[in-house]
PDB file of N, CA and C in Angstrom:
ATOM      1  N   MET A   1      16.654   1.331  -2.503  1.00  0.00           N
ATOM      2  CA  MET A   1      16.532   1.064  -3.668  1.00  0.00           C
ATOM      3  C   MET A   1      16.512   1.919  -5.219  1.00  0.00           C
ATOM      4  N   ARG A   2      16.813   1.736  -5.997  1.00  0.00           N
ATOM      5  CA  ARG A   2      17.025   2.595  -6.872  1.00  0.00           C
ATOM      6  C   ARG A   2      16.076   1.670  -8.242  1.00  0.00           C
ATOM      7  N   GLN A   3      16.122   2.634  -9.742  1.00  0.00           N
ATOM      8  CA  GLN A   3      15.466   2.034 -11.013  1.00  0.00           C
ATOM      9  C   GLN A   3      16.561   1.110 -11.048  1.00  0.00           C
ATOM     10  N   SER A   4      17.644   0.784 -10.843  1.00  0.00           N
ATOM     11  CA  SER A   4      18.739  -0.669 -11.103  1.00  0.00           C
ATOM     12  C   SER A   4      17.959  -1.413 -10.657  1.00  0.00           C
ATOM     13  N   ASP A   5      17.562  -1.574  -9.496  1.00  0.00           N
ATOM     14  CA  ASP A   5      17.093  -2.667  -8.920  1.00  0.00           C
ATOM     15  C   ASP A   5      15.335  -3.583  -8.957  1.00  0.00           C
ATOM     16  N   VAL A   6      14.680  -2.892 -10.426  1.00  0.00           N
ATOM     17  CA  VAL A   6      13.909  -2.901 -11.107  1.00  0.00           C
ATOM     18  C   VAL A   6      14.006  -4.697 -11.169  1.00  0.00           C
ATOM     19  N   ASN A   7      13.102  -5.672 -10.857  1.00  0.00           N
ATOM     20  CA  ASN A   7      12.890  -6.905 -11.153  1.00  0.00           C
ATOM     21  C   ASN A   7      13.498  -7.868 -10.205  1.00  0.00           C
ATOM     22  N   LYS A   8      14.276  -7.012  -9.033  1.00  0.00           N
ATOM     23  CA  LYS A   8      14.986  -8.057  -8.190  1.00  0.00           C
ATOM     24  C   LYS A   8      13.916  -8.324  -7.444  1.00  0.00           C
ATOM     25  N   ASP A   9      14.548  -9.711  -6.601  1.00  0.00           N
ATOM     26  CA  ASP A   9      13.484 -10.328  -5.503  1.00  0.00           C
ATOM     27  C   ASP A   9      14.038  -9.678  -4.498  1.00  0.00           C
ATOM     28  N   VAL A  10      13.636  -8.890  -3.262  1.00  0.00           N
ATOM     29  CA  VAL A  10      14.269  -8.478  -2.007  1.00  0.00           C
ATOM     30  C   VAL A  10      13.299  -8.600  -1.109  1.00  0.00           C
ATOM     31  N   GLN A  11      14.072  -8.534   0.326  1.00  0.00           N
ATOM     32  CA  GLN A  11      13.212  -8.632   1.437  1.00  0.00           C
ATOM     33  C   GLN A  11      13.484  -7.275   2.279  1.00  0.00           C
ATOM     34  N   LEU A  12      12.457  -6.811   3.143  1.00  0.00           N
ATOM     35  CA  LEU A  12      12.659  -5.817   3.692  1.00  0.00           C
ATOM     36  C   LEU A  12      11.715  -5.939   5.082  1.00  0.00           C
ATOM     37  N   ALA A  13      12.395  -5.230   6.056  1.00  0.00           N
ATOM     38  CA  ALA A  13      11.673  -5.051   7.592  1.00  0.00           C
ATOM     39  C   ALA A  13      11.718  -3.836   8.032  1.00  0.00           C
ATOM     40  N   GLY A  14      10.576  -3.190   8.529  1.00  0.00           N
ATOM     41  CA  GLY A  14      10.446  -1.846   8.949  1.00  0.00           C
ATOM     42  C   GLY A  14       9.027  -1.521   9.945  1.00  0.00           C
ATOM     43  N   TRP A  15       8.835  -0.561   9.970  1.00  0.00           N
ATOM     44  CA  TRP A  15       7.674   0.016  10.240  1.00  0.00           C
ATOM     45  C   TRP A  15       6.711   0.615   9.566  1.00  0.00           C
ATOM     46  N   VAL A  16       5.390   0.095   9.737  1.00  0.00           N
ATOM     47  CA  VAL A  16       4.325   0.630   8.818  1.00  0.00           C
ATOM     48  C   VAL A  16       4.545   2.198   9.150  1.00  0.00           C
ATOM     49  N   GLN A  17       4.798   3.311   7.888  1.00  0.00           N
ATOM     50  CA  GLN A  17       4.611   4.406   8.201  1.00  0.00           C
ATOM     51  C   GLN A  17       2.950   5.182   8.071  1.00  0.00           C
ATOM     52  N   ARG A  18       2.733   4.471   6.740  1.00  0.00           N
ATOM     53  CA  ARG A  18       1.533   5.094   6.346  1.00  0.00           C
ATOM     54  C   ARG A  18       0.825   4.107   5.427  1.00  0.00           C
ATOM     55  N   ILE A  19      -0.514   4.364   5.543  1.00  0.00           N
ATOM     56  CA  ILE A  19      -1.142   3.164   4.796  1.00  0.00           C
ATOM     57  C   ILE A  19      -2.419   3.949   3.939  1.00  0.00           C
ATOM     58  N   ARG A  20      -2.127   3.938   2.391  1.00  0.00           N
ATOM     59  CA  ARG A  20      -2.970   4.319   1.875  1.00  0.00           C
ATOM     60  C   ARG A  20      -4.110   3.474   1.155  1.00  0.00           C
ATOM     61  N   ASP A  21      -5.193   3.307   1.369  1.00  0.00           N
ATOM     62  CA  ASP A  21      -6.670   2.289   1.215  1.00  0.00           C
ATOM     63  C   ASP A  21      -7.289   2.564  -0.232  1.00  0.00           C
ATOM     64  N   LYS A  22      -7.069   2.423  -1.150  1.00  0.00           N
ATOM     65  CA  LYS A  22      -8.216   2.841  -2.085  1.00  0.00           C
ATOM     66  C   LYS A  22      -9.138   1.829  -2.673  1.00  0.00           C
ATOM     67  N   GLY A  23      -9.204   0.699  -1.920  1.00  0.00           N
ATOM     68  CA  GLY A  23      -9.934  -0.342  -2.247  1.00  0.00           C
ATOM     69  C   GLY A  23      -9.865  -1.747  -3.286  1.00  0.00           C
ATOM     70  N   PHE A  24      -8.876  -1.515  -3.855  1.00  0.00           N
ATOM     71  CA  PHE A  24      -8.823  -2.664  -4.834  1.00  0.00           C
ATOM     72  C   PHE A  24      -6.963  -1.950  -4.720  1.00  0.00           C
ATOM     73  N   VAL A  25      -6.827  -1.460  -4.453  1.00  0.00           N
ATOM     74  CA  VAL A  25      -5.102  -1.372  -4.316  1.00  0.00           C
ATOM     75  C   VAL A  25      -4.412  -0.397  -3.065  1.00  0.00           C
ATOM     76  N   LEU A  26      -3.485  -1.092  -2.321  1.00  0.00           N
ATOM     77  CA  LEU A  26      -3.344  -0.935  -1.430  1.00  0.00           C
ATOM     78  C   LEU A  26      -1.752  -0.200  -1.325  1.00  0.00           C
ATOM     79  N   TRP A  27      -1.456   1.051  -0.501  1.00  0.00           N
ATOM     80  CA  TRP A  27       0.020   1.673  -0.865  1.00  0.00           C
ATOM     81  C   TRP A  27       0.387   1.359   0.710  1.00  0.00           C
ATOM     82  N   ILE A  28       1.602   0.983   0.989  1.00  0.00           N
ATOM     83  CA  ILE A  28       2.345   1.190   2.481  1.00  0.00           C
ATOM     84  C   ILE A  28       3.506   1.734   2.132  1.00  0.00           C
ATOM     85  N   ASP A  29       3.616   2.798   2.781  1.00  0.00           N
ATOM     86  CA  ASP A  29       5.166   3.279   3.175  1.00  0.00           C
ATOM     87  C   ASP A  29       5.863   2.554   4.614  1.00  0.00           C
ATOM     88  N   LEU A  30       6.727   2.099   3.964  1.00  0.00           N
ATOM     89  CA  LEU A  30       7.575   1.348   4.596  1.00  0.00           C
ATOM     90  C   LEU A  30       8.933   2.080   5.578  1.00  0.00           C
ATOM     91  N   ARG A  31       9.107   2.124   6.565  1.00  0.00           N
ATOM     92  CA  ARG A  31      10.259   3.277   7.130  1.00  0.00           C
ATOM     93  C   ARG A  31      11.359   1.986   7.726  1.00  0.00           C
ATOM     94  N   ASP A  32      12.272   2.273   7.151  1.00  0.00           N
ATOM     95  CA  ASP A  32      13.666   1.548   8.150  1.00  0.00           C
ATOM     96  C   ASP A  32      14.684   2.279   8.176  1.00  0.00           C
ATOM     97  N   ARG A  33      15.958   2.145   8.271  1.00  0.00           N
ATOM     98  CA  ARG A  33      17.257   2.350   8.246  1.00  0.00           C
ATOM     99  C   ARG A  33      17.431   2.887   7.503  1.00  0.00           C
ATOM    100  N   TYR A  34      17.202   2.913   6.033  1.00  0.00           N
ATOM    101  CA  TYR A  34      17.536   3.454   5.075  1.00  0.00           C
ATOM    102  C   TYR A  34      16.416   4.651   4.204  1.00  0.00           C
ATOM    103  N   GLY A  35      15.563   4.604   5.192  1.00  0.00           N
ATOM    104  CA  GLY A  35      14.843   5.380   4.773  1.00  0.00           C
ATOM    105  C   GLY A  35      13.223   5.008   4.283  1.00  0.00           C
ATOM    106  N   VAL A  36      12.281   5.263   3.396  1.00  0.00           N
ATOM    107  CA  VAL A  36      10.974   5.107   3.227  1.00  0.00           C
ATOM    108  C   VAL A  36      11.171   4.309   1.826  1.00  0.00           C
ATOM    109  N   THR A  37      10.542   3.317   2.007  1.00  0.00           N
ATOM    110  CA  THR A  37      10.087   2.435   0.587  1.00  0.00           C
ATOM    111  C   THR A  37       8.534   2.127   0.425  1.00  0.00           C
ATOM    112  N   GLN A  38       8.134   2.381  -1.076  1.00  0.00           N
ATOM    113  CA  GLN A  38       6.748   2.012  -0.920  1.00  0.00           C
ATOM    114  C   GLN A  38       6.329   0.715  -1.475  1.00  0.00           C
ATOM    115  N   LEU A  39       5.168  -0.067  -0.521  1.00  0.00           N
ATOM    116  CA  LEU A  39       4.893  -1.244  -1.094  1.00  0.00           C
ATOM    117  C   LEU A  39       3.536  -1.114  -1.611  1.00  0.00           C
ATOM    118  N   VAL A  40       3.212  -2.167  -2.773  1.00  0.00           N
ATOM    119  CA  VAL A  40       2.001  -1.889  -3.190  1.00  0.00           C
ATOM    120  C   VAL A  40       1.651  -3.273  -3.419  1.00  0.00           C
ATOM    121  N   LEU A  41       0.286  -3.620  -3.103  1.00  0.00           N
ATOM    122  CA  LEU A  41      -0.414  -4.790  -3.222  1.00  0.00           C
ATOM    123  C   LEU A  41      -1.791  -4.355  -3.631  1.00  0.00           C
ATOM    124  N   ASP A  42      -2.051  -5.195  -4.525  1.00  0.00           N
ATOM    125  CA  ASP A  42      -3.455  -4.690  -5.250  1.00  0.00           C
ATOM    126  C   ASP A  42      -4.075  -6.212  -5.553  1.00  0.00           C
ATOM    127  N   GLU A  43      -5.285  -6.318  -5.900  1.00  0.00           N
ATOM    128  CA  GLU A  43      -6.192  -7.350  -6.375  1.00  0.00           C
ATOM    129  C   GLU A  43      -5.816  -8.459  -7.178  1.00  0.00           C
ATOM    130  N   GLU A  44      -5.381  -7.334  -8.258  1.00  0.00           N
ATOM    131  CA  GLU A  44      -4.996  -7.955  -9.764  1.00  0.00           C
ATOM    132  C   GLU A  44      -3.629  -8.978  -9.796  1.00  0.00           C
ATOM    133  N   ARG A  45      -2.459  -8.559  -8.902  1.00  0.00           N
ATOM    134  CA  ARG A  45      -1.552  -9.393  -8.811  1.00  0.00           C
ATOM    135  C   ARG A  45      -1.139  -9.934  -7.302  1.00  0.00           C
ATOM    136  N   CYS A  46      -1.863  -9.359  -6.634  1.00  0.00           N
ATOM    137  CA  CYS A  46      -1.593 -10.196  -5.052  1.00  0.00           C
ATOM    138  C   CYS A  46      -2.690 -11.317  -4.822  1.00  0.00           C
ATOM    139  N   ASP A  47      -2.298 -11.871  -3.994  1.00  0.00           N
ATOM    140  CA  ASP A  47      -3.306 -13.038  -3.704  1.00  0.00           C
ATOM    141  C   ASP A  47      -4.471 -12.189  -2.392  1.00  0.00           C
ATOM    142  N   ALA A  48      -5.519 -12.261  -2.854  1.00  0.00           N
ATOM    143  CA  ALA A  48      -6.431 -11.692  -1.800  1.00  0.00           C
ATOM    144  C   ALA A  48      -6.362 -11.961  -0.350  1.00  0.00           C
ATOM    145  N   THR A  49      -5.978 -13.042   0.070  1.00  0.00           N
ATOM    146  CA  THR A  49      -5.416 -13.344   1.653  1.00  0.00           C
ATOM    147  C   THR A  49      -4.681 -12.038   2.096  1.00  0.00           C
ATOM    148  N   LEU A  50      -3.402 -12.020   1.276  1.00  0.00           N
ATOM    149  CA  LEU A  50      -2.622 -11.627   1.437  1.00  0.00           C
ATOM    150  C   LEU A  50      -3.053  -9.680   1.642  1.00  0.00           C
ATOM    151  N   VAL A  51      -3.790  -9.414   0.667  1.00  0.00           N
ATOM    152  CA  VAL A  51      -4.364  -8.067   0.180  1.00  0.00           C
ATOM    153  C   VAL A  51      -4.747  -7.766   1.611  1.00  0.00           C
ATOM    154  N   GLU A  52      -5.844  -8.694   2.041  1.00  0.00           N
ATOM    155  CA  GLU A  52      -6.894  -8.317   3.519  1.00  0.00           C
ATOM    156  C   GLU A  52      -5.925  -8.512   4.544  1.00  0.00           C
ATOM    157  N   GLN A  53      -5.188  -9.198   4.750  1.00  0.00           N
ATOM    158  CA  GLN A  53      -3.966  -9.248   5.931  1.00  0.00           C
ATOM    159  C   GLN A  53      -3.388  -8.123   5.757  1.00  0.00           C
ATOM    160  N   ALA A  54      -2.950  -7.189   4.870  1.00  0.00           N
ATOM    161  CA  ALA A  54      -2.483  -5.942   4.627  1.00  0.00           C
ATOM    162  C   ALA A  54      -3.166  -4.956   5.299  1.00  0.00           C
ATOM    163  N   LYS A  55      -4.526  -4.984   4.742  1.00  0.00           N
ATOM    164  CA  LYS A  55      -5.453  -4.270   5.372  1.00  0.00           C
ATOM    165  C   LYS A  55      -5.745  -4.171   6.604  1.00  0.00           C
ATOM    166  N   THR A  56      -5.177  -4.713   7.818  1.00  0.00           N
ATOM    167  CA  THR A  56      -4.843  -5.071   9.216  1.00  0.00           C
ATOM    168  C   THR A  56      -4.136  -4.568   9.867  1.00  0.00           C
ATOM    169  N   LEU A  57      -3.269  -3.960   9.267  1.00  0.00           N
ATOM    170  CA  LEU A  57      -1.911  -3.254   9.598  1.00  0.00           C
ATOM    171  C   LEU A  57      -2.114  -1.849   9.820  1.00  0.00           C
ATOM    172  N   GLY A  58      -1.518  -1.446  11.019  1.00  0.00           N
ATOM    173  CA  GLY A  58      -1.999  -0.046  11.413  1.00  0.00           C
ATOM    174  C   GLY A  58      -0.424   0.784  11.568  1.00  0.00           C
ATOM    175  N   ARG A  59      -0.491   2.024  11.757  1.00  0.00           N
ATOM    176  CA  ARG A  59       0.498   2.432  11.733  1.00  0.00           C
ATOM    177  C   ARG A  59       1.726   2.119  12.943  1.00  0.00           C
ATOM    178  N   GLU A  60       3.237   2.529  12.570  1.00  0.00           N
ATOM    179  CA  GLU A  60       3.857   1.586  13.413  1.00  0.00           C
ATOM    180  C   GLU A  60       4.005   0.147  13.635  1.00  0.00           C
ATOM    181  N   PHE A  61       3.056  -1.019  13.069  1.00  0.00           N
ATOM    182  CA  PHE A  61       3.260  -1.906  13.080  1.00  0.00           C
ATOM    183  C   PHE A  61       4.861  -2.565  12.822  1.00  0.00           C
ATOM    184  N   VAL A  62       5.234  -3.455  13.124  1.00  0.00           N
ATOM    185  CA  VAL A  62       7.002  -4.010  12.652  1.00  0.00           C
ATOM    186  C   VAL A  62       6.324  -5.114  11.463  1.00  0.00           C
ATOM    187  N   VAL A  63       6.736  -5.059  10.314  1.00  0.00           N
ATOM    188  CA  VAL A  63       6.733  -6.395   9.707  1.00  0.00           C
ATOM    189  C   VAL A  63       7.706  -6.370   8.643  1.00  0.00           C
ATOM    190  N   GLN A  64       7.603  -7.894   8.079  1.00  0.00           N
ATOM    191  CA  GLN A  64       8.450  -7.930   7.227  1.00  0.00           C
ATOM    192  C   GLN A  64       8.019  -8.372   5.829  1.00  0.00           C
ATOM    193  N   VAL A  65       8.859  -7.995   4.769  1.00  0.00           N
ATOM    194  CA  VAL A  65       7.875  -8.169   3.468  1.00  0.00           C
ATOM    195  C   VAL A  65       8.969  -8.937   2.182  1.00  0.00           C
ATOM    196  N   HIS A  66       8.448  -9.804   1.406  1.00  0.00           N
ATOM    197  CA  HIS A  66       9.244 -10.539   0.293  1.00  0.00           C
ATOM    198  C   HIS A  66       8.480  -9.582  -0.834  1.00  0.00           C
ATOM    199  N   GLY A  67       9.382  -9.461  -1.731  1.00  0.00           N
ATOM    200  CA  GLY A  67       8.650  -8.824  -2.875  1.00  0.00           C
ATOM    201  C   GLY A  67       9.390  -8.675  -4.013  1.00  0.00           C
ATOM    202  N   ARG A  68       8.757  -7.839  -4.933  1.00  0.00           N
ATOM    203  CA  ARG A  68       9.870  -7.623  -6.473  1.00  0.00           C
ATOM    204  C   ARG A  68       9.357  -6.254  -6.787  1.00  0.00           C
ATOM    205  N   VAL A  69      10.846  -5.771  -6.789  1.00  0.00           N
ATOM    206  CA  VAL A  69      11.003  -4.464  -7.111  1.00  0.00           C
ATOM    207  C   VAL A  69      10.088  -3.928  -8.698  1.00  0.00           C
ATOM    208  N   ILE A  70       9.472  -2.934  -8.653  1.00  0.00           N
ATOM    209  CA  ILE A  70       8.936  -2.745  -9.983  1.00  0.00           C
ATOM    210  C   ILE A  70       9.000  -0.911 -10.170  1.00  0.00           C
ATOM    211  N   GLU A  71       8.549  -0.924 -11.157  1.00  0.00           N
ATOM    212  CA  GLU A  71       8.804   0.643 -11.367  1.00  0.00           C
ATOM    213  C   GLU A  71       7.541   1.272 -11.015  1.00  0.00           C
ATOM    214  N   ARG A  72       7.576   2.402 -10.480  1.00  0.00           N
ATOM    215  CA  ARG A  72       6.273   3.019 -10.212  1.00  0.00           C
ATOM    216  C   ARG A  72       5.965   3.780 -11.337  1.00  0.00           C
ATOM    217  N   GLU A  73       4.642   4.031 -11.460  1.00  0.00           N
ATOM    218  CA  GLU A  73       3.663   4.400 -12.396  1.00  0.00           C
ATOM    219  C   GLU A  73       3.852   6.084 -12.221  1.00  0.00           C
ATOM    220  N   ALA A  74       3.865   6.567 -10.937  1.00  0.00           N
ATOM    221  CA  ALA A  74       3.597   7.921 -10.685  1.00  0.00           C
ATOM    222  C   ALA A  74       4.958   8.141  -9.704  1.00  0.00           C
ATOM    223  N   LYS A  75       5.780   8.765 -10.307  1.00  0.00           N
ATOM    224  CA  LYS A  75       7.217   8.852  -9.561  1.00  0.00           C
ATOM    225  C   LYS A  75       7.190   9.821  -8.578  1.00  0.00           C
ATOM    226  N   ASN A  76       7.896   9.738  -7.411  1.00  0.00           N
ATOM    227  CA  ASN A  76       8.181  10.680  -6.341  1.00  0.00           C
ATOM    228  C   ASN A  76       9.370  10.967  -6.126  1.00  0.00           C
ATOM    229  N   SER A  77       9.843  12.213  -6.842  1.00  0.00           N
ATOM    230  CA  SER A  77      11.291  12.683  -6.741  1.00  0.00           C
ATOM    231  C   SER A  77      11.575  13.638  -5.151  1.00  0.00           C
ATOM    232  N   ALA A  78      10.564  13.482  -4.543  1.00  0.00           N
ATOM    233  CA  ALA A  78      10.785  13.919  -3.204  1.00  0.00           C
ATOM    234  C   ALA A  78      11.667  13.014  -2.072  1.00  0.00           C
ATOM    235  N   ILE A  79      11.875  12.009  -2.718  1.00  0.00           N
ATOM    236  CA  ILE A  79      12.328  10.548  -1.862  1.00  0.00           C
ATOM    237  C   ILE A  79      13.448   9.729  -2.912  1.00  0.00           C
ATOM    238  N   PRO A  80      14.362   9.690  -2.521  1.00  0.00           N
ATOM    239  CA  PRO A  80      15.433   8.604  -3.008  1.00  0.00           C
ATOM    240  C   PRO A  80      14.939   7.334  -3.825  1.00  0.00           C
ATOM    241  N   THR A  81      13.749   6.955  -3.372  1.00  0.00           N
ATOM    242  CA  THR A  81      13.079   5.769  -3.673  1.00  0.00           C
ATOM    243  C   THR A  81      11.888   5.594  -4.279  1.00  0.00           C
ATOM    244  N   GLY A  82      11.871   7.383  -4.809  1.00  0.00           N
ATOM    245  CA  GLY A  82      10.695   7.440  -5.817  1.00  0.00           C
ATOM    246  C   GLY A  82      10.544   6.993  -7.082  1.00  0.00           C
ATOM    247  N   ASP A  83      11.186   6.236  -7.439  1.00  0.00           N
ATOM    248  CA  ASP A  83      11.320   5.587  -8.763  1.00  0.00           C
ATOM    249  C   ASP A  83      10.634   4.025  -8.849  1.00  0.00           C
ATOM    250  N   VAL A  84      10.686   3.575  -7.711  1.00  0.00           N
ATOM    251  CA  VAL A  84      10.372   2.249  -7.644  1.00  0.00           C
ATOM    252  C   VAL A  84       9.242   1.930  -6.390  1.00  0.00           C
ATOM    253  N   GLU A  85       8.943   0.810  -6.126  1.00  0.00           N
ATOM    254  CA  GLU A  85       8.130   0.536  -5.375  1.00  0.00           C
ATOM    255  C   GLU A  85       8.207  -1.208  -5.093  1.00  0.00           C
ATOM    256  N   VAL A  86       7.739  -1.479  -4.289  1.00  0.00           N
ATOM    257  CA  VAL A  86       7.835  -3.315  -4.084  1.00  0.00           C
ATOM    258  C   VAL A  86       6.563  -3.690  -4.064  1.00  0.00           C
ATOM    259  N   LEU A  87       6.184  -4.987  -5.306  1.00  0.00           N
ATOM    260  CA  LEU A  87       5.233  -5.517  -5.262  1.00  0.00           C
ATOM    261  C   LEU A  87       5.221  -6.639  -4.461  1.00  0.00           C
ATOM    262  N   VAL A  88       4.473  -6.465  -3.413  1.00  0.00           N
ATOM    263  CA  VAL A  88       4.660  -7.727  -2.198  1.00  0.00           C
ATOM    264  C   VAL A  88       3.904  -8.644  -2.500  1.00  0.00           C
ATOM    265  N   ASN A  89       4.700 -10.047  -2.202  1.00  0.00           N
ATOM    266  CA  ASN A  89       4.077 -11.152  -2.462  1.00  0.00           C
ATOM    267  C   ASN A  89       4.194 -12.226  -1.187  1.00  0.00           C
ATOM    268  N   GLU A  90       5.051 -11.935   0.022  1.00  0.00           N
ATOM    269  CA  GLU A  90       4.964 -12.406   1.317  1.00  0.00           C
ATOM    270  C   GLU A  90       4.856 -10.978   2.424  1.00  0.00           C
ATOM    271  N   LEU A  91       3.815 -11.506   3.560  1.00  0.00           N
ATOM    272  CA  LEU A  91       3.837 -10.236   4.612  1.00  0.00           C
ATOM    273  C   LEU A  91       3.786 -10.931   5.872  1.00  0.00           C
ATOM    274  N   SER A  92       4.562 -10.671   6.732  1.00  0.00           N
ATOM    275  CA  SER A  92       4.673 -11.305   8.004  1.00  0.00           C
ATOM    276  C   SER A  92       4.445  -9.963   9.081  1.00  0.00           C
ATOM    277  N   ILE A  93       3.998 -10.124  10.003  1.00  0.00           N
ATOM    278  CA  ILE A  93       3.541  -8.744  10.948  1.00  0.00           C
ATOM    279  C   ILE A  93       4.664  -9.619  11.970  1.00  0.00           C
ATOM    280  N   LEU A  94       5.892  -8.656  12.477  1.00  0.00           N
ATOM    281  CA  LEU A  94       6.539  -9.016  13.416  1.00  0.00           C
ATOM    282  C   LEU A  94       6.152  -8.518  14.806  1.00  0.00           C
ATOM    283  N   SER A  95       5.442  -7.370  14.740  1.00  0.00           N
ATOM    284  CA  SER A  95       4.950  -6.727  16.011  1.00  0.00           C
ATOM    285  C   SER A  95       3.889  -6.190  15.562  1.00  0.00           C
ATOM    286  N   PRO A  96       2.839  -6.140  16.672  1.00  0.00           N
ATOM    287  CA  PRO A  96       1.665  -5.030  15.928  1.00  0.00           C
ATOM    288  C   PRO A  96       1.991  -3.957  17.031  1.00  0.00           C
ATOM    289  N   ALA A  97       1.154  -2.523  16.802  1.00  0.00           N
ATOM    290  CA  ALA A  97       1.264  -1.681  17.373  1.00  0.00           C
ATOM    291  C   ALA A  97       0.126  -0.757  17.787  1.00  0.00           C
ATOM    292  N   GLU A  98      -0.396  -0.695  19.097  1.00  0.00           N
ATOM    293  CA  GLU A  98      -1.608   0.431  19.454  1.00  0.00           C
ATOM    294  C   GLU A  98      -1.423   1.475  18.555  1.00  0.00           C
ATOM    295  N   THR A  99      -2.513   2.326  17.835  1.00  0.00           N
ATOM    296  CA  THR A  99      -2.407   3.396  17.267  1.00  0.00           C
ATOM    297  C   THR A  99      -1.769   4.762  18.330  1.00  0.00           C
ATOM    298  N   PRO A 100      -0.916   5.193  17.943  1.00  0.00           N
ATOM    299  CA  PRO A 100      -0.375   6.373  18.868  1.00  0.00           C
ATOM    300  C   PRO A 100      -1.567   7.114  19.236  1.00  0.00           C
ATOM    301  N   ALA A 101      -1.278   7.548  20.467  1.00  0.00           N
ATOM    302  CA  ALA A 101      -2.363   9.272  20.829  1.00  0.00           C
ATOM    303  C   ALA A 101      -1.925  10.085  20.007  1.00  0.00           C
ATOM    304  N   PHE A 102      -0.528  10.202  19.997  1.00  0.00           N
ATOM    305  CA  PHE A 102       0.208  11.294  19.205  1.00  0.00           C
ATOM    306  C   PHE A 102       0.725  11.197  18.176  1.00  0.00           C
ATOM    307  N   HIS A 103       0.555  12.139  16.960  1.00  0.00           N
ATOM    308  CA  HIS A 103       1.455  11.843  15.826  1.00  0.00           C
ATOM    309  C   HIS A 103       2.280  12.844  15.529  1.00  0.00           C
ATOM    310  N   PHE A 104       3.546  12.182  15.623  1.00  0.00           N
ATOM    311  CA  PHE A 104       4.927  13.012  15.808  1.00  0.00           C
ATOM    312  C   PHE A 104       5.386  13.129  14.424  1.00  0.00           C
ATOM    313  N   GLY A 105       4.610  12.422  13.361  1.00  0.00           N
ATOM    314  CA  GLY A 105       5.244  13.101  12.081  1.00  0.00           C
ATOM    315  C   GLY A 105       4.955  14.575  11.280  1.00  0.00           C
ATOM    316  N   ARG A 106       5.384  14.485  10.217  1.00  0.00           N
ATOM    317  CA  ARG A 106       5.295  15.756   9.276  1.00  0.00           C
ATOM    318  C   ARG A 106       3.774  15.860   9.146  1.00  0.00           C
TER     319      ARG A 106
END
């Protein structure tokens, strides 16, 4: 996904790589065969039930989301998708995962 995809509705599926929960907003790094895309859920723009469901996710859960591509406020030039994020409006857990005993990431 790139800047040219802003305002497009998308469906993505992949593994939860990282979750950042700031209370009122939740960012999820979703990893798929193409790379990493940041998902965003917040209490102002998303249904409260959806936000609560997202807070139950753990690393390596497999999920499918539907949402709208929006421009990121804080860009990340370190990744190809760093100009955009997906505002989630539907979330399905395809496969939960136990927290790995070892972290094999960077």
